[in-house]
Amino acid sequence: LQSIASADMDLNQLEAFLTAQTKKQGGITSDQAAVIAKFWKNHRIKIHESLINQSRWDNVLKNMNWRVDLKSQSRHIDQINTPVAIVEMELGKNGQVSFLL
């Protein structure tokens, strides 16, 4: 199952892999292969998402908003109409409350 999950096998790859395992001496039986195939078909997405979540080290970007403003008032006349970019990023770790930067 670890090999299947690591390779994120599609159904064709899974069938070829399990067929090879049943033909290998000391391998699995065809009944075991059928159970593994059914389990993988039903839980592939959950297993894949779990592996991805376990492989993340740092924060993830949850949301991002941005806009460009122009200054319309300033102490110094040369700063008027100067574009300013405002970026809001929402970061968070898996399973934790996110925070804004």
N, C-alpha and C. Protein backbone atom coordinates (compact mmCIF):
# COMPACT_ATOMS: atom_id res chain seq x y z
N LEU A 1 0.82 -1.19 0.00
CA LEU A 1 0.00 0.00 0.00
C LEU A 1 0.86 1.25 0.00
N GLN A 2 2.01 1.17 0.69
CA GLN A 2 2.92 2.32 0.72
C GLN A 2 3.43 2.65 -0.68
N SER A 3 3.77 1.64 -1.45
CA SER A 3 4.24 1.87 -2.82
C SER A 3 3.15 2.48 -3.69
N ILE A 4 1.94 2.02 -3.50
CA ILE A 4 0.80 2.54 -4.28
C ILE A 4 0.57 4.01 -3.95
N ALA A 5 0.60 4.34 -2.66
CA ALA A 5 0.36 5.72 -2.23
C ALA A 5 1.50 6.64 -2.65
N SER A 6 2.74 6.18 -2.52
CA SER A 6 3.89 7.01 -2.89
C SER A 6 3.87 7.37 -4.36
N ALA A 7 3.44 6.43 -5.20
CA ALA A 7 3.38 6.67 -6.63
C ALA A 7 2.07 7.33 -7.06
N ASP A 8 1.11 7.44 -6.14
CA ASP A 8 -0.22 7.97 -6.44
C ASP A 8 -0.76 7.32 -7.72
N MET A 9 -0.81 6.00 -7.69
CA MET A 9 -1.16 5.21 -8.88
C MET A 9 -2.60 5.44 -9.33
N ASP A 10 -2.77 5.53 -10.64
CA ASP A 10 -4.13 5.54 -11.18
C ASP A 10 -4.60 4.09 -11.30
N LEU A 11 -5.80 3.87 -11.77
CA LEU A 11 -6.36 2.52 -11.77
C LEU A 11 -5.60 1.56 -12.69
N ASN A 12 -5.10 2.04 -13.82
CA ASN A 12 -4.32 1.18 -14.72
C ASN A 12 -3.00 0.78 -14.09
N GLN A 13 -2.31 1.74 -13.47
CA GLN A 13 -1.05 1.44 -12.80
C GLN A 13 -1.28 0.48 -11.64
N LEU A 14 -2.37 0.71 -10.90
CA LEU A 14 -2.70 -0.14 -9.76
C LEU A 14 -2.92 -1.58 -10.21
N GLU A 15 -3.68 -1.75 -11.28
CA GLU A 15 -3.96 -3.09 -11.79
C GLU A 15 -2.67 -3.80 -12.21
N ALA A 16 -1.79 -3.09 -12.91
CA ALA A 16 -0.52 -3.69 -13.34
C ALA A 16 0.35 -4.04 -12.13
N PHE A 17 0.39 -3.16 -11.15
CA PHE A 17 1.20 -3.39 -9.95
C PHE A 17 0.69 -4.60 -9.17
N LEU A 18 -0.62 -4.67 -8.96
CA LEU A 18 -1.19 -5.78 -8.20
C LEU A 18 -1.06 -7.11 -8.95
N THR A 19 -1.19 -7.06 -10.26
CA THR A 19 -0.99 -8.28 -11.06
C THR A 19 0.43 -8.79 -10.89
N ALA A 20 1.39 -7.88 -10.92
CA ALA A 20 2.79 -8.27 -10.73
C ALA A 20 3.01 -8.84 -9.33
N GLN A 21 2.34 -8.27 -8.34
CA GLN A 21 2.49 -8.75 -6.96
C GLN A 21 1.89 -10.15 -6.77
N THR A 22 0.82 -10.46 -7.50
CA THR A 22 0.22 -11.78 -7.38
C THR A 22 1.07 -12.85 -8.08
N LYS A 23 1.84 -12.45 -9.08
CA LYS A 23 2.67 -13.41 -9.81
C LYS A 23 4.02 -13.63 -9.13
N LYS A 24 4.38 -12.71 -8.25
CA LYS A 24 5.66 -12.81 -7.54
C LYS A 24 5.59 -13.94 -6.52
N GLN A 25 6.68 -14.72 -6.40
CA GLN A 25 6.71 -15.79 -5.41
C GLN A 25 6.69 -15.17 -4.00
N GLY A 26 5.77 -15.63 -3.17
CA GLY A 26 5.61 -15.07 -1.84
C GLY A 26 4.83 -13.77 -1.85
N GLY A 27 4.22 -13.45 -2.98
CA GLY A 27 3.45 -12.21 -3.11
C GLY A 27 2.06 -12.35 -2.52
N ILE A 28 1.17 -11.54 -2.98
CA ILE A 28 -0.20 -11.52 -2.45
C ILE A 28 -1.10 -12.42 -3.28
N THR A 29 -2.23 -12.79 -2.69
CA THR A 29 -3.22 -13.60 -3.42
C THR A 29 -4.11 -12.67 -4.25
N SER A 30 -4.86 -13.25 -5.16
CA SER A 30 -5.76 -12.44 -5.98
C SER A 30 -6.88 -11.83 -5.13
N ASP A 31 -7.28 -12.53 -4.07
CA ASP A 31 -8.29 -11.98 -3.16
C ASP A 31 -7.73 -10.76 -2.42
N GLN A 32 -6.50 -10.85 -1.98
CA GLN A 32 -5.86 -9.70 -1.31
C GLN A 32 -5.72 -8.53 -2.28
N ALA A 33 -5.36 -8.83 -3.52
CA ALA A 33 -5.24 -7.78 -4.54
C ALA A 33 -6.58 -7.09 -4.77
N ALA A 34 -7.65 -7.85 -4.78
CA ALA A 34 -8.99 -7.27 -4.98
C ALA A 34 -9.35 -6.35 -3.81
N VAL A 35 -9.02 -6.77 -2.59
CA VAL A 35 -9.31 -5.94 -1.41
C VAL A 35 -8.49 -4.65 -1.45
N ILE A 36 -7.22 -4.77 -1.78
CA ILE A 36 -6.35 -3.58 -1.87
C ILE A 36 -6.87 -2.63 -2.95
N ALA A 37 -7.26 -3.16 -4.11
CA ALA A 37 -7.76 -2.33 -5.20
C ALA A 37 -9.04 -1.59 -4.78
N LYS A 38 -9.95 -2.29 -4.10
CA LYS A 38 -11.18 -1.66 -3.65
C LYS A 38 -10.89 -0.57 -2.62
N PHE A 39 -9.98 -0.86 -1.68
CA PHE A 39 -9.61 0.12 -0.67
C PHE A 39 -9.01 1.37 -1.32
N TRP A 40 -8.11 1.16 -2.29
CA TRP A 40 -7.45 2.29 -2.96
C TRP A 40 -8.46 3.12 -3.75
N LYS A 41 -9.38 2.47 -4.43
CA LYS A 41 -10.40 3.20 -5.19
C LYS A 41 -11.26 4.07 -4.27
N ASN A 42 -11.57 3.57 -3.08
CA ASN A 42 -12.44 4.29 -2.15
C ASN A 42 -11.72 5.38 -1.36
N HIS A 43 -10.41 5.24 -1.15
CA HIS A 43 -9.70 6.15 -0.24
C HIS A 43 -8.51 6.87 -0.87
N ARG A 44 -8.35 6.78 -2.17
CA ARG A 44 -7.19 7.36 -2.84
C ARG A 44 -7.06 8.86 -2.57
N ILE A 45 -8.12 9.61 -2.70
CA ILE A 45 -8.06 11.07 -2.54
C ILE A 45 -7.68 11.43 -1.11
N LYS A 46 -8.29 10.77 -0.13
CA LYS A 46 -7.98 11.05 1.27
C LYS A 46 -6.52 10.74 1.59
N ILE A 47 -6.03 9.63 1.09
CA ILE A 47 -4.64 9.24 1.34
C ILE A 47 -3.69 10.24 0.69
N HIS A 48 -3.98 10.63 -0.54
CA HIS A 48 -3.14 11.59 -1.25
C HIS A 48 -3.10 12.93 -0.52
N GLU A 49 -4.25 13.44 -0.09
CA GLU A 49 -4.29 14.70 0.64
C GLU A 49 -3.55 14.61 1.97
N SER A 50 -3.66 13.49 2.64
CA SER A 50 -2.95 13.29 3.91
C SER A 50 -1.44 13.31 3.69
N LEU A 51 -0.96 12.66 2.65
CA LEU A 51 0.48 12.66 2.35
C LEU A 51 0.97 14.07 2.02
N ILE A 52 0.20 14.83 1.29
CA ILE A 52 0.57 16.21 0.96
C ILE A 52 0.64 17.05 2.23
N ASN A 53 -0.37 16.92 3.09
CA ASN A 53 -0.39 17.70 4.33
C ASN A 53 0.78 17.34 5.24
N GLN A 54 1.17 16.08 5.26
CA GLN A 54 2.30 15.66 6.09
C GLN A 54 3.64 16.15 5.54
N SER A 55 3.69 16.45 4.25
CA SER A 55 4.96 16.84 3.64
C SER A 55 5.21 18.35 3.70
N ARG A 56 4.24 19.13 4.14
CA ARG A 56 4.42 20.58 4.23
C ARG A 56 5.21 20.92 5.48
N TRP A 57 6.17 21.83 5.33
CA TRP A 57 7.01 22.22 6.46
C TRP A 57 6.55 23.52 7.07
N ASP A 58 6.16 24.47 6.26
CA ASP A 58 5.89 25.81 6.74
C ASP A 58 4.43 26.19 6.50
N ASN A 59 4.17 27.48 6.69
CA ASN A 59 2.83 28.02 6.48
C ASN A 59 2.41 27.87 5.02
N VAL A 60 1.12 27.88 4.82
CA VAL A 60 0.58 27.84 3.46
C VAL A 60 -0.24 29.11 3.24
N LEU A 61 -0.32 29.54 2.00
CA LEU A 61 -1.10 30.72 1.64
C LEU A 61 -2.57 30.31 1.53
N LYS A 62 -3.39 30.87 2.42
CA LYS A 62 -4.82 30.54 2.43
C LYS A 62 -5.61 31.47 1.51
N ASN A 63 -5.22 32.76 1.48
CA ASN A 63 -5.96 33.74 0.70
C ASN A 63 -5.05 34.93 0.43
N MET A 64 -5.32 35.65 -0.66
CA MET A 64 -4.53 36.83 -0.99
C MET A 64 -5.43 37.87 -1.66
N ASN A 65 -5.32 39.12 -1.21
CA ASN A 65 -6.02 40.25 -1.81
C ASN A 65 -5.00 41.35 -2.07
N TRP A 66 -5.20 42.12 -3.12
CA TRP A 66 -4.29 43.23 -3.40
C TRP A 66 -5.04 44.36 -4.09
N ARG A 67 -4.45 45.54 -4.00
CA ARG A 67 -4.99 46.70 -4.72
C ARG A 67 -3.88 47.73 -4.86
N VAL A 68 -4.07 48.65 -5.79
CA VAL A 68 -3.13 49.76 -5.99
C VAL A 68 -3.89 51.05 -5.71
N ASP A 69 -3.34 51.87 -4.80
CA ASP A 69 -3.93 53.16 -4.45
C ASP A 69 -3.03 54.28 -4.97
N LEU A 70 -3.64 55.43 -5.20
CA LEU A 70 -2.88 56.64 -5.54
C LEU A 70 -3.07 57.65 -4.42
N LYS A 71 -1.98 58.26 -3.98
CA LYS A 71 -2.08 59.28 -2.94
C LYS A 71 -2.72 60.53 -3.52
N SER A 72 -3.74 61.02 -2.82
CA SER A 72 -4.40 62.23 -3.29
C SER A 72 -4.07 63.44 -2.41
N GLN A 73 -3.52 63.17 -1.23
CA GLN A 73 -3.09 64.24 -0.35
C GLN A 73 -1.74 63.87 0.25
N SER A 74 -0.90 64.88 0.40
CA SER A 74 0.40 64.64 1.00
C SER A 74 0.98 65.98 1.43
N ARG A 75 1.93 65.94 2.35
CA ARG A 75 2.62 67.17 2.76
C ARG A 75 3.45 67.74 1.61
N HIS A 76 4.02 66.83 0.85
CA HIS A 76 4.88 67.24 -0.25
C HIS A 76 4.17 66.98 -1.58
N ILE A 77 4.13 67.96 -2.41
CA ILE A 77 3.40 67.91 -3.68
C ILE A 77 3.93 66.80 -4.61
N ASP A 78 5.23 66.49 -4.52
CA ASP A 78 5.79 65.49 -5.43
C ASP A 78 5.35 64.06 -5.06
N GLN A 79 4.72 63.87 -3.91
CA GLN A 79 4.25 62.54 -3.52
C GLN A 79 2.80 62.28 -3.93
N ILE A 80 2.11 63.28 -4.45
CA ILE A 80 0.73 63.10 -4.90
C ILE A 80 0.74 62.26 -6.17
N ASN A 81 -0.26 61.42 -6.31
CA ASN A 81 -0.40 60.49 -7.44
C ASN A 81 0.71 59.44 -7.51
N THR A 82 1.35 59.18 -6.39
CA THR A 82 2.34 58.11 -6.31
C THR A 82 1.59 56.80 -6.04
N PRO A 83 1.76 55.80 -6.91
CA PRO A 83 1.05 54.54 -6.68
C PRO A 83 1.63 53.79 -5.47
N VAL A 84 0.72 53.19 -4.70
CA VAL A 84 1.10 52.39 -3.55
C VAL A 84 0.36 51.06 -3.66
N ALA A 85 1.09 49.96 -3.60
CA ALA A 85 0.47 48.64 -3.66
C ALA A 85 0.21 48.16 -2.25
N ILE A 86 -0.99 47.67 -2.02
CA ILE A 86 -1.37 47.10 -0.73
C ILE A 86 -1.69 45.63 -0.96
N VAL A 87 -0.96 44.76 -0.26
CA VAL A 87 -1.13 43.32 -0.41
C VAL A 87 -1.50 42.73 0.95
N GLU A 88 -2.55 41.93 0.96
CA GLU A 88 -2.98 41.26 2.18
C GLU A 88 -2.90 39.75 1.93
N MET A 89 -2.07 39.08 2.73
CA MET A 89 -1.91 37.64 2.60
C MET A 89 -2.37 36.96 3.88
N GLU A 90 -3.16 35.93 3.74
CA GLU A 90 -3.63 35.15 4.88
C GLU A 90 -2.85 33.84 4.89
N LEU A 91 -2.06 33.66 5.93
CA LEU A 91 -1.22 32.48 6.05
C LEU A 91 -1.75 31.60 7.18
N GLY A 92 -1.46 30.32 7.10
CA GLY A 92 -1.86 29.42 8.17
C GLY A 92 -1.17 28.09 8.04
N LYS A 93 -1.11 27.38 9.12
CA LYS A 93 -0.59 26.01 9.11
C LYS A 93 -1.78 25.06 9.05
N ASN A 94 -1.52 23.86 8.63
CA ASN A 94 -2.59 22.88 8.55
C ASN A 94 -3.18 22.63 9.93
N GLY A 95 -4.49 22.73 10.05
CA GLY A 95 -5.16 22.46 11.30
C GLY A 95 -5.08 23.57 12.32
N GLN A 96 -4.55 24.73 11.96
CA GLN A 96 -4.44 25.83 12.90
C GLN A 96 -5.18 27.04 12.35
N VAL A 97 -5.48 27.96 13.25
CA VAL A 97 -6.15 29.21 12.87
C VAL A 97 -5.19 30.04 12.03
N SER A 98 -5.69 30.63 10.97
CA SER A 98 -4.83 31.43 10.09
C SER A 98 -4.67 32.84 10.63
N PHE A 99 -3.68 33.56 10.13
CA PHE A 99 -3.44 34.94 10.53
C PHE A 99 -3.12 35.78 9.32
N LEU A 100 -3.29 37.10 9.43
CA LEU A 100 -3.09 38.02 8.32
C LEU A 100 -1.75 38.70 8.44
N LEU A 101 -1.13 38.98 7.30
CA LEU A 101 0.09 39.79 7.22
C LEU A 101 -0.24 41.10 6.55
